[in-house]
C-alpha atoms as a PDB file:
ATOM      1  CA  UNK A   1     -12.721   0.334   4.330  1.00  0.00           C
ATOM      2  CA  UNK A   2      -9.057   1.142   3.950  1.00  0.00           C
ATOM      3  CA  UNK A   3      -8.695   0.542   7.770  1.00  0.00           C
ATOM      4  CA  UNK A   4     -10.083  -2.952   7.393  1.00  0.00           C
ATOM      5  CA  UNK A   5      -7.754  -3.785   4.430  1.00  0.00           C
ATOM      6  CA  UNK A   6      -4.755  -2.403   6.413  1.00  0.00           C
ATOM      7  CA  UNK A   7      -5.513  -4.362   9.575  1.00  0.00           C
ATOM      8  CA  UNK A   8      -6.388  -7.388   7.702  1.00  0.00           C
ATOM      9  CA  UNK A   9      -2.941  -7.500   5.827  1.00  0.00           C
ATOM     10  CA  UNK A  10      -0.807  -6.816   8.873  1.00  0.00           C
ATOM     11  CA  UNK A  11      -0.862 -10.325  10.147  1.00  0.00           C
ATOM     12  CA  UNK A  12      -1.329 -13.843   8.548  1.00  0.00           C
ATOM     13  CA  UNK A  13      -4.630 -14.390  10.366  1.00  0.00           C
ATOM     14  CA  UNK A  14      -6.903 -11.568  11.456  1.00  0.00           C
ATOM     15  CA  UNK A  15     -10.307 -11.925  13.200  1.00  0.00           C
ATOM     16  CA  UNK A  16     -12.706  -8.872  13.672  1.00  0.00           C
ATOM     17  CA  UNK A  17     -14.944  -9.682  16.588  1.00  0.00           C
ATOM     18  CA  UNK A  18     -17.095  -8.245  19.383  1.00  0.00           C
ATOM     19  CA  UNK A  19     -16.332  -9.182  23.012  1.00  0.00           C
ATOM     20  CA  UNK A  20     -19.940 -10.194  23.718  1.00  0.00           C
ATOM     21  CA  UNK A  21     -20.275 -12.572  20.595  1.00  0.00           C
ATOM     22  CA  UNK A  22     -20.189 -16.273  21.607  1.00  0.00           C
ATOM     23  CA  UNK A  23     -19.408 -17.371  18.069  1.00  0.00           C
ATOM     24  CA  UNK A  24     -16.464 -14.897  17.900  1.00  0.00           C
ATOM     25  CA  UNK A  25     -15.124 -16.520  21.138  1.00  0.00           C
ATOM     26  CA  UNK A  26     -15.497 -20.049  19.603  1.00  0.00           C
ATOM     27  CA  UNK A  27     -13.709 -19.077  16.335  1.00  0.00           C
ATOM     28  CA  UNK A  28     -10.840 -17.429  18.416  1.00  0.00           C
ATOM     29  CA  UNK A  29     -10.566 -20.558  20.515  1.00  0.00           C
ATOM     30  CA  UNK A  30     -10.507 -22.775  17.276  1.00  0.00           C
ATOM     31  CA  UNK A  31      -7.525 -20.815  15.881  1.00  0.00           C
ATOM     32  CA  UNK A  32      -5.735 -20.996  19.289  1.00  0.00           C
ATOM     33  CA  UNK A  33      -6.351 -24.720  19.442  1.00  0.00           C
ATOM     34  CA  UNK A  34      -4.918 -25.200  15.827  1.00  0.00           C
ATOM     35  CA  UNK A  35      -1.838 -23.253  16.994  1.00  0.00           C
ATOM     36  CA  UNK A  36      -2.518 -19.914  15.230  1.00  0.00           C
ATOM     37  CA  UNK A  37      -2.155 -16.584  17.089  1.00  0.00           C
ATOM     38  CA  UNK A  38      -4.374 -14.307  15.000  1.00  0.00           C
ATOM     39  CA  UNK A  39      -4.606 -10.462  15.407  1.00  0.00           C
ATOM     40  CA  UNK A  40      -7.893  -9.828  17.186  1.00  0.00           C
ATOM     41  CA  UNK A  41      -9.869  -6.521  16.567  1.00  0.00           C
ATOM     42  CA  UNK A  42     -12.730  -6.181  19.063  1.00  0.00           C
ATOM     43  CA  UNK A  43     -15.161  -3.679  17.195  1.00  0.00           C
ATOM     44  CA  UNK A  44     -17.005  -2.850  20.342  1.00  0.00           C
ATOM     45  CA  UNK A  45     -13.738  -1.733  22.044  1.00  0.00           C
ATOM     46  CA  UNK A  46     -12.444   0.235  19.199  1.00  0.00           C
ATOM     47  CA  UNK A  47     -13.338   3.895  18.836  1.00  0.00           C
ATOM     48  CA  UNK A  48     -13.813   3.430  15.149  1.00  0.00           C
ATOM     49  CA  UNK A  49     -15.609   0.154  15.597  1.00  0.00           C
ATOM     50  CA  UNK A  50     -18.850   1.258  14.190  1.00  0.00           C
ATOM     51  CA  UNK A  51     -17.169   2.491  10.941  1.00  0.00           C
ATOM     52  CA  UNK A  52     -15.300  -0.778  10.667  1.00  0.00           C
ATOM     53  CA  UNK A  53     -18.589  -2.736  11.207  1.00  0.00           C
ATOM     54  CA  UNK A  54     -20.142  -0.902   8.241  1.00  0.00           C
ATOM     55  CA  UNK A  55     -17.020  -1.471   6.172  1.00  0.00           C
ATOM     56  CA  UNK A  56     -17.227  -5.185   6.899  1.00  0.00           C
ATOM     57  CA  UNK A  57     -20.909  -5.265   5.989  1.00  0.00           C
ATOM     58  CA  UNK A  58     -20.104  -3.505   2.666  1.00  0.00           C
ATOM     59  CA  UNK A  59     -17.505  -6.265   1.948  1.00  0.00           C
ATOM     60  CA  UNK A  60     -20.360  -8.897   2.287  1.00  0.00           C
ATOM     61  CA  UNK A  61     -19.681  -9.825   5.934  1.00  0.00           C
ATOM     62  CA  UNK A  62     -23.261 -10.773   7.211  1.00  0.00           C
ATOM     63  CA  UNK A  63     -23.106 -11.132  10.102  1.00  0.00           C
ATOM     64  CA  UNK A  64     -20.325  -8.707  10.368  1.00  0.00           C
ATOM     65  CA  UNK A  65     -18.570 -10.633  13.190  1.00  0.00           C
ATOM     66  CA  UNK A  66     -16.723 -12.860  13.390  1.00  0.00           C
ATOM     67  CA  UNK A  67     -15.006 -11.787  10.061  1.00  0.00           C
ATOM     68  CA  UNK A  68     -11.875 -13.865   9.406  1.00  0.00           C
ATOM     69  CA  UNK A  69      -9.145 -12.940   7.048  1.00  0.00           C
ATOM     70  CA  UNK A  70      -6.326 -15.183   6.230  1.00  0.00           C
ATOM     71  CA  UNK A  71      -3.370 -14.065   4.244  1.00  0.00           C
ATOM     72  CA  UNK A  72      -5.067 -10.679   3.700  1.00  0.00           C
ATOM     73  CA  UNK A  73      -8.085 -12.232   2.117  1.00  0.00           C
ATOM     74  CA  UNK A  74     -11.582 -12.384   3.524  1.00  0.00           C
ATOM     75  CA  UNK A  75     -12.410 -16.096   4.254  1.00  0.00           C
ATOM     76  CA  UNK A  76     -15.788 -15.819   5.969  1.00  0.00           C
ATOM     77  CA  UNK A  77     -17.739 -15.794   9.053  1.00  0.00           C
ATOM     78  CA  UNK A  78     -18.162 -18.496  11.637  1.00  0.00           C
ATOM     79  CA  UNK A  79     -20.163 -20.957   9.416  1.00  0.00           C
ATOM     80  CA  UNK A  80     -17.571 -20.709   6.709  1.00  0.00           C
ATOM     81  CA  UNK A  81     -14.606 -21.330   9.142  1.00  0.00           C
ATOM     82  CA  UNK A  82     -16.346 -24.192  10.746  1.00  0.00           C
ATOM     83  CA  UNK A  83     -17.056 -25.705   7.305  1.00  0.00           C
ATOM     84  CA  UNK A  84     -13.268 -25.307   6.391  1.00  0.00           C
ATOM     85  CA  UNK A  85     -12.353 -26.959   9.723  1.00  0.00           C
ATOM     86  CA  UNK A  86     -14.567 -29.893   9.113  1.00  0.00           C
ATOM     87  CA  UNK A  87     -13.307 -30.548   5.605  1.00  0.00           C
ATOM     88  CA  UNK A  88      -9.820 -30.157   6.787  1.00  0.00           C
ATOM     89  CA  UNK A  89      -8.731 -27.221   4.802  1.00  0.00           C
ATOM     90  CA  UNK A  90      -8.513 -24.471   7.425  1.00  0.00           C
ATOM     91  CA  UNK A  91      -5.244 -25.788   8.801  1.00  0.00           C
ATOM     92  CA  UNK A  92      -3.725 -25.891   5.371  1.00  0.00           C
ATOM     93  CA  UNK A  93      -4.906 -22.416   4.601  1.00  0.00           C
ATOM     94  CA  UNK A  94      -3.289 -21.230   7.810  1.00  0.00           C
ATOM     95  CA  UNK A  95      -0.068 -23.068   7.000  1.00  0.00           C
ATOM     96  CA  UNK A  96      -0.019 -21.613   3.462  1.00  0.00           C
ATOM     97  CA  UNK A  97      -0.418 -18.050   4.905  1.00  0.00           C
ATOM     98  CA  UNK A  98       2.386 -18.842   7.436  1.00  0.00           C
ATOM     99  CA  UNK A  99      -0.023 -18.337  10.458  1.00  0.00           C
ATOM    100  CA  UNK A 100       1.139 -21.694  11.810  1.00  0.00           C
ATOM    101  CA  UNK A 101       4.252 -23.813  11.288  1.00  0.00           C
ATOM    102  CA  UNK A 102       4.570 -27.550  11.525  1.00  0.00           C
END
């Protein structure tokens, strides 16, 4: 769990994903389209990926990917991020965390 916290706080926007997850790909594409350049951690390509997956689950991430952190705080999974985008608050969250600049 410490590894998740360390990685989540190293950059303004962090996404934990799996390379085969289509929703992970969609969330990454959304962030890139907004202008953010998040740190991406592919759990299926990391030697400690299974441990991180369990740590994410223990934080309440279900499903465990994509797990999005903004400003070092867990924001949610794909449905949460899409809801934030639809209501217009995702971009402001990224601006406030200094993940994008206008």
